Every structure is written in C-alpha cells, then in structure tokens.
Amino acid sequence: MPEDGILVLSLSGLPRGGMMGGTRGTGMQRYRLFMWIATALWLIAAVAAVVDRDTLNAVAWFGFVGAGALTASGATERSRGLAYLSIALLVAAVAILMSVFLTD
C-alpha cells in the first residue's frame, strides 16, 4: 500500500511487516515452551525416584525441576540472584546424579 507514492516494505518483503502463514511465536516463547516441557518431564522423574525410595536421585531431579521452573517462568531474566540460584541448582543436581552413577 503506497503512502505518498512510496511503497513501505519490511525485512520480510511484505507491506507493513505482515506475516505469511501460521501464527508462530517468537524464539523466546518456543524456548520457554521447551523448558516447561522439560520441567514437567523432570518432575515425573523426581516423583518416580520418590516412589522408588531413591532419596539422592529424587533430590537431584527436584533440583532440575527448580532450575527449570525458574528459567521457564522468566524469573532468571529479571533477577541476577535467581539466575545464579538456577545455575547452582543445575550444578548441584548434575553433581549428585554423577556421584550416584559413579558409586553404583
């Protein structure tokens, strides 16, 4: 649609930045969806470890759940302290799982 004789195009080549096709979210929305799915799977693994009465595995999987929930909710983007907490939870969970694996 020309405005004052000038055709305005966006980077996509469509007038006024229109999108062709479906309604895909931004990259961050897809990343958060992936993190929520991973968090749900980690929660299932944590509950399975609790049912199996495997305390160290349950603690490790709940560490993954905590880190995943903090990341997926966007809290780590708003607070540096929560970002460090999420990293610490991931490191601790991996360390616990590796120690359980190496001792078994």
N, C-alpha and C. Protein backbone atom coordinates (compact mmCIF):
# COMPACT_ATOMS: atom_id res chain seq x y z
N MET A 1 0.83 -1.16 0.00
CA MET A 1 0.00 0.00 0.00
C MET A 1 0.89 1.24 0.00
N PRO A 2 0.97 1.93 -1.08
CA PRO A 2 1.84 3.10 -1.14
C PRO A 2 1.32 4.23 -0.25
N GLU A 3 2.26 4.84 0.46
CA GLU A 3 1.96 6.01 1.26
C GLU A 3 2.71 7.18 0.62
N ASP A 4 1.97 8.16 0.16
CA ASP A 4 2.56 9.32 -0.50
C ASP A 4 3.45 8.90 -1.66
N GLY A 5 3.05 7.88 -2.37
CA GLY A 5 3.79 7.43 -3.53
C GLY A 5 4.99 6.54 -3.21
N ILE A 6 5.19 6.19 -1.94
CA ILE A 6 6.32 5.35 -1.54
C ILE A 6 5.78 4.04 -0.99
N LEU A 7 6.28 2.93 -1.50
CA LEU A 7 5.87 1.62 -1.00
C LEU A 7 6.74 1.26 0.20
N VAL A 8 6.11 1.05 1.35
CA VAL A 8 6.83 0.73 2.58
C VAL A 8 6.92 -0.78 2.70
N LEU A 9 8.15 -1.31 2.74
CA LEU A 9 8.38 -2.74 2.88
C LEU A 9 9.18 -3.00 4.14
N SER A 10 8.92 -4.14 4.75
CA SER A 10 9.71 -4.54 5.92
C SER A 10 10.79 -5.51 5.47
N LEU A 11 11.54 -6.04 6.43
CA LEU A 11 12.59 -7.00 6.10
C LEU A 11 12.03 -8.27 5.49
N SER A 12 10.79 -8.60 5.80
CA SER A 12 10.20 -9.82 5.25
C SER A 12 9.75 -9.62 3.81
N GLY A 13 9.76 -8.39 3.34
CA GLY A 13 9.35 -8.12 1.97
C GLY A 13 7.87 -7.90 1.82
N LEU A 14 7.12 -8.02 2.89
CA LEU A 14 5.69 -7.81 2.84
C LEU A 14 5.36 -6.42 3.37
N PRO A 15 4.34 -5.78 2.81
CA PRO A 15 3.99 -4.45 3.28
C PRO A 15 3.66 -4.44 4.78
N ARG A 16 4.18 -3.47 5.48
CA ARG A 16 3.92 -3.24 6.90
C ARG A 16 4.27 -4.44 7.78
N GLY A 17 5.24 -5.24 7.40
CA GLY A 17 5.71 -6.33 8.24
C GLY A 17 4.72 -7.46 8.40
N GLY A 18 3.80 -7.63 7.46
CA GLY A 18 2.84 -8.72 7.55
C GLY A 18 3.52 -10.07 7.50
N MET A 19 2.90 -11.05 8.12
CA MET A 19 3.48 -12.39 8.14
C MET A 19 2.73 -13.29 7.19
N MET A 20 3.46 -14.13 6.50
CA MET A 20 2.82 -15.14 5.68
C MET A 20 2.68 -16.40 6.50
N GLY A 21 1.57 -17.07 6.35
CA GLY A 21 1.44 -18.36 7.00
C GLY A 21 0.89 -18.28 8.41
N GLY A 22 1.30 -19.28 9.21
CA GLY A 22 0.72 -19.50 10.53
C GLY A 22 1.09 -18.49 11.58
N THR A 23 0.73 -18.83 12.78
CA THR A 23 0.96 -17.94 13.91
C THR A 23 2.03 -18.54 14.81
N ARG A 24 3.25 -18.40 14.39
CA ARG A 24 4.36 -18.91 15.19
C ARG A 24 4.77 -17.87 16.19
N GLY A 25 5.17 -18.34 17.37
CA GLY A 25 5.63 -17.43 18.41
C GLY A 25 7.06 -17.01 18.17
N THR A 26 7.54 -16.15 19.03
CA THR A 26 8.92 -15.72 18.93
C THR A 26 9.83 -16.83 19.42
N GLY A 27 11.12 -16.64 19.21
CA GLY A 27 12.08 -17.65 19.66
C GLY A 27 12.04 -17.85 21.16
N MET A 28 11.83 -16.77 21.91
CA MET A 28 11.79 -16.88 23.37
C MET A 28 10.57 -17.67 23.82
N GLN A 29 9.43 -17.50 23.15
CA GLN A 29 8.24 -18.25 23.51
C GLN A 29 8.44 -19.74 23.28
N ARG A 30 9.10 -20.11 22.19
CA ARG A 30 9.37 -21.51 21.92
C ARG A 30 10.36 -22.08 22.92
N TYR A 31 11.34 -21.27 23.32
CA TYR A 31 12.31 -21.69 24.31
C TYR A 31 11.62 -21.95 25.65
N ARG A 32 10.73 -21.07 26.04
CA ARG A 32 10.02 -21.25 27.30
C ARG A 32 9.12 -22.48 27.25
N LEU A 33 8.47 -22.71 26.13
CA LEU A 33 7.63 -23.91 25.99
C LEU A 33 8.48 -25.16 26.16
N PHE A 34 9.65 -25.18 25.51
CA PHE A 34 10.56 -26.32 25.66
C PHE A 34 10.97 -26.50 27.12
N MET A 35 11.25 -25.42 27.81
CA MET A 35 11.67 -25.51 29.21
C MET A 35 10.54 -26.02 30.09
N TRP A 36 9.30 -25.61 29.83
CA TRP A 36 8.17 -26.13 30.62
C TRP A 36 7.98 -27.61 30.39
N ILE A 37 8.16 -28.06 29.14
CA ILE A 37 8.03 -29.49 28.84
C ILE A 37 9.13 -30.27 29.55
N ALA A 38 10.37 -29.77 29.49
CA ALA A 38 11.48 -30.43 30.17
C ALA A 38 11.26 -30.46 31.68
N THR A 39 10.74 -29.37 32.23
CA THR A 39 10.47 -29.31 33.66
C THR A 39 9.42 -30.34 34.07
N ALA A 40 8.39 -30.49 33.25
CA ALA A 40 7.36 -31.48 33.54
C ALA A 40 7.95 -32.90 33.51
N LEU A 41 8.82 -33.17 32.55
CA LEU A 41 9.45 -34.49 32.48
C LEU A 41 10.38 -34.73 33.67
N TRP A 42 11.09 -33.68 34.09
CA TRP A 42 11.95 -33.82 35.28
C TRP A 42 11.11 -34.05 36.52
N LEU A 43 9.95 -33.43 36.59
CA LEU A 43 9.07 -33.64 37.74
C LEU A 43 8.58 -35.09 37.78
N ILE A 44 8.27 -35.64 36.62
CA ILE A 44 7.86 -37.05 36.56
C ILE A 44 9.01 -37.95 37.04
N ALA A 45 10.24 -37.64 36.62
CA ALA A 45 11.40 -38.42 37.07
C ALA A 45 11.61 -38.28 38.57
N ALA A 46 11.38 -37.09 39.11
CA ALA A 46 11.54 -36.88 40.55
C ALA A 46 10.50 -37.66 41.34
N VAL A 47 9.27 -37.65 40.87
CA VAL A 47 8.22 -38.41 41.56
C VAL A 47 8.50 -39.91 41.47
N ALA A 48 9.00 -40.36 40.32
CA ALA A 48 9.35 -41.77 40.17
C ALA A 48 10.47 -42.16 41.14
N ALA A 49 11.44 -41.26 41.35
CA ALA A 49 12.52 -41.54 42.30
C ALA A 49 11.99 -41.58 43.73
N VAL A 50 11.01 -40.73 44.05
CA VAL A 50 10.41 -40.74 45.38
C VAL A 50 9.67 -42.05 45.60
N VAL A 51 8.91 -42.47 44.60
CA VAL A 51 8.16 -43.73 44.70
C VAL A 51 9.13 -44.91 44.85
N ASP A 52 10.26 -44.81 44.18
CA ASP A 52 11.27 -45.86 44.25
C ASP A 52 12.11 -45.78 45.52
N ARG A 53 11.86 -44.79 46.36
CA ARG A 53 12.58 -44.54 47.61
C ARG A 53 14.07 -44.33 47.39
N ASP A 54 14.39 -43.63 46.31
CA ASP A 54 15.78 -43.30 45.99
C ASP A 54 15.98 -41.81 46.29
N THR A 55 16.43 -41.52 47.51
CA THR A 55 16.46 -40.16 48.02
C THR A 55 17.39 -39.25 47.23
N LEU A 56 18.61 -39.69 46.95
CA LEU A 56 19.56 -38.82 46.25
C LEU A 56 19.10 -38.52 44.83
N ASN A 57 18.59 -39.52 44.14
CA ASN A 57 18.06 -39.25 42.81
C ASN A 57 16.88 -38.29 42.86
N ALA A 58 16.02 -38.45 43.84
CA ALA A 58 14.87 -37.55 43.97
C ALA A 58 15.32 -36.12 44.21
N VAL A 59 16.31 -35.93 45.08
CA VAL A 59 16.82 -34.58 45.35
C VAL A 59 17.41 -33.98 44.08
N ALA A 60 18.17 -34.78 43.34
CA ALA A 60 18.77 -34.28 42.10
C ALA A 60 17.71 -33.89 41.08
N TRP A 61 16.71 -34.74 40.89
CA TRP A 61 15.67 -34.43 39.91
C TRP A 61 14.84 -33.22 40.34
N PHE A 62 14.60 -33.07 41.66
CA PHE A 62 13.89 -31.88 42.11
C PHE A 62 14.76 -30.63 41.92
N GLY A 63 16.07 -30.78 41.96
CA GLY A 63 16.96 -29.66 41.62
C GLY A 63 16.78 -29.23 40.18
N PHE A 64 16.68 -30.21 39.27
CA PHE A 64 16.40 -29.89 37.88
C PHE A 64 15.04 -29.22 37.73
N VAL A 65 14.05 -29.70 38.47
CA VAL A 65 12.71 -29.10 38.41
C VAL A 65 12.76 -27.64 38.85
N GLY A 66 13.46 -27.37 39.94
CA GLY A 66 13.56 -26.00 40.42
C GLY A 66 14.25 -25.08 39.43
N ALA A 67 15.36 -25.54 38.88
CA ALA A 67 16.08 -24.73 37.89
C ALA A 67 15.25 -24.53 36.63
N GLY A 68 14.56 -25.59 36.20
CA GLY A 68 13.72 -25.46 35.01
C GLY A 68 12.55 -24.52 35.22
N ALA A 69 11.94 -24.58 36.39
CA ALA A 69 10.80 -23.69 36.67
C ALA A 69 11.26 -22.23 36.73
N LEU A 70 12.42 -21.99 37.35
CA LEU A 70 12.94 -20.62 37.40
C LEU A 70 13.24 -20.09 36.00
N THR A 71 13.81 -20.93 35.17
CA THR A 71 14.17 -20.49 33.82
C THR A 71 12.94 -20.32 32.95
N ALA A 72 12.03 -21.27 32.99
CA ALA A 72 10.86 -21.23 32.12
C ALA A 72 9.92 -20.08 32.49
N SER A 73 9.86 -19.73 33.76
CA SER A 73 8.96 -18.66 34.17
C SER A 73 9.50 -17.28 33.82
N GLY A 74 10.76 -17.21 33.46
CA GLY A 74 11.35 -15.92 33.12
C GLY A 74 11.93 -15.19 34.32
N ALA A 75 11.91 -15.82 35.48
CA ALA A 75 12.44 -15.17 36.68
C ALA A 75 13.94 -14.93 36.57
N THR A 76 14.65 -15.81 35.87
CA THR A 76 16.09 -15.64 35.74
C THR A 76 16.45 -14.46 34.84
N GLU A 77 15.52 -14.02 34.00
CA GLU A 77 15.78 -12.85 33.15
C GLU A 77 15.60 -11.56 33.93
N ARG A 78 14.83 -11.60 35.00
CA ARG A 78 14.54 -10.39 35.77
C ARG A 78 15.46 -10.21 36.97
N SER A 79 16.08 -11.29 37.43
CA SER A 79 16.87 -11.20 38.65
C SER A 79 18.18 -11.97 38.49
N ARG A 80 19.26 -11.30 38.75
CA ARG A 80 20.57 -11.95 38.65
C ARG A 80 20.73 -13.00 39.74
N GLY A 81 20.20 -12.72 40.92
CA GLY A 81 20.29 -13.67 42.03
C GLY A 81 19.58 -14.98 41.71
N LEU A 82 18.39 -14.88 41.09
CA LEU A 82 17.66 -16.09 40.72
C LEU A 82 18.36 -16.84 39.58
N ALA A 83 19.03 -16.10 38.71
CA ALA A 83 19.81 -16.76 37.65
C ALA A 83 20.94 -17.57 38.27
N TYR A 84 21.63 -16.98 39.27
CA TYR A 84 22.70 -17.71 39.95
C TYR A 84 22.15 -18.91 40.72
N LEU A 85 20.98 -18.74 41.33
CA LEU A 85 20.34 -19.87 42.03
C LEU A 85 20.03 -21.00 41.07
N SER A 86 19.51 -20.66 39.89
CA SER A 86 19.20 -21.67 38.88
C SER A 86 20.46 -22.42 38.44
N ILE A 87 21.54 -21.68 38.23
CA ILE A 87 22.81 -22.31 37.83
C ILE A 87 23.32 -23.22 38.95
N ALA A 88 23.22 -22.74 40.19
CA ALA A 88 23.68 -23.55 41.33
C ALA A 88 22.85 -24.82 41.47
N LEU A 89 21.54 -24.73 41.25
CA LEU A 89 20.69 -25.92 41.31
C LEU A 89 21.07 -26.92 40.23
N LEU A 90 21.36 -26.43 39.03
CA LEU A 90 21.76 -27.32 37.94
C LEU A 90 23.09 -28.01 38.25
N VAL A 91 24.05 -27.24 38.74
CA VAL A 91 25.36 -27.81 39.06
C VAL A 91 25.24 -28.85 40.17
N ALA A 92 24.47 -28.53 41.21
CA ALA A 92 24.29 -29.47 42.32
C ALA A 92 23.57 -30.74 41.86
N ALA A 93 22.54 -30.58 41.02
CA ALA A 93 21.81 -31.75 40.54
C ALA A 93 22.69 -32.66 39.69
N VAL A 94 23.48 -32.06 38.82
CA VAL A 94 24.38 -32.86 37.98
C VAL A 94 25.43 -33.54 38.86
N ALA A 95 25.95 -32.83 39.85
CA ALA A 95 26.96 -33.42 40.74
C ALA A 95 26.38 -34.61 41.51
N ILE A 96 25.15 -34.47 42.00
CA ILE A 96 24.52 -35.57 42.74
C ILE A 96 24.29 -36.77 41.82
N LEU A 97 23.75 -36.52 40.63
CA LEU A 97 23.50 -37.63 39.71
C LEU A 97 24.80 -38.32 39.29
N MET A 98 25.86 -37.54 39.06
CA MET A 98 27.14 -38.14 38.68
C MET A 98 27.71 -38.96 39.83
N SER A 99 27.59 -38.45 41.06
CA SER A 99 28.11 -39.22 42.20
C SER A 99 27.33 -40.50 42.42
N VAL A 100 26.00 -40.44 42.23
CA VAL A 100 25.18 -41.66 42.37
C VAL A 100 25.57 -42.66 41.28
N PHE A 101 25.78 -42.16 40.06
CA PHE A 101 26.15 -43.04 38.96
C PHE A 101 27.51 -43.69 39.21
N LEU A 102 28.47 -42.90 39.70
CA LEU A 102 29.82 -43.43 39.90
C LEU A 102 29.91 -44.39 41.08
N THR A 103 29.06 -44.23 42.09
CA THR A 103 29.13 -45.12 43.24
C THR A 103 28.33 -46.40 43.07
N ASP A 104 27.41 -46.42 42.14
CA ASP A 104 26.60 -47.64 41.92
C ASP A 104 27.32 -48.65 41.08
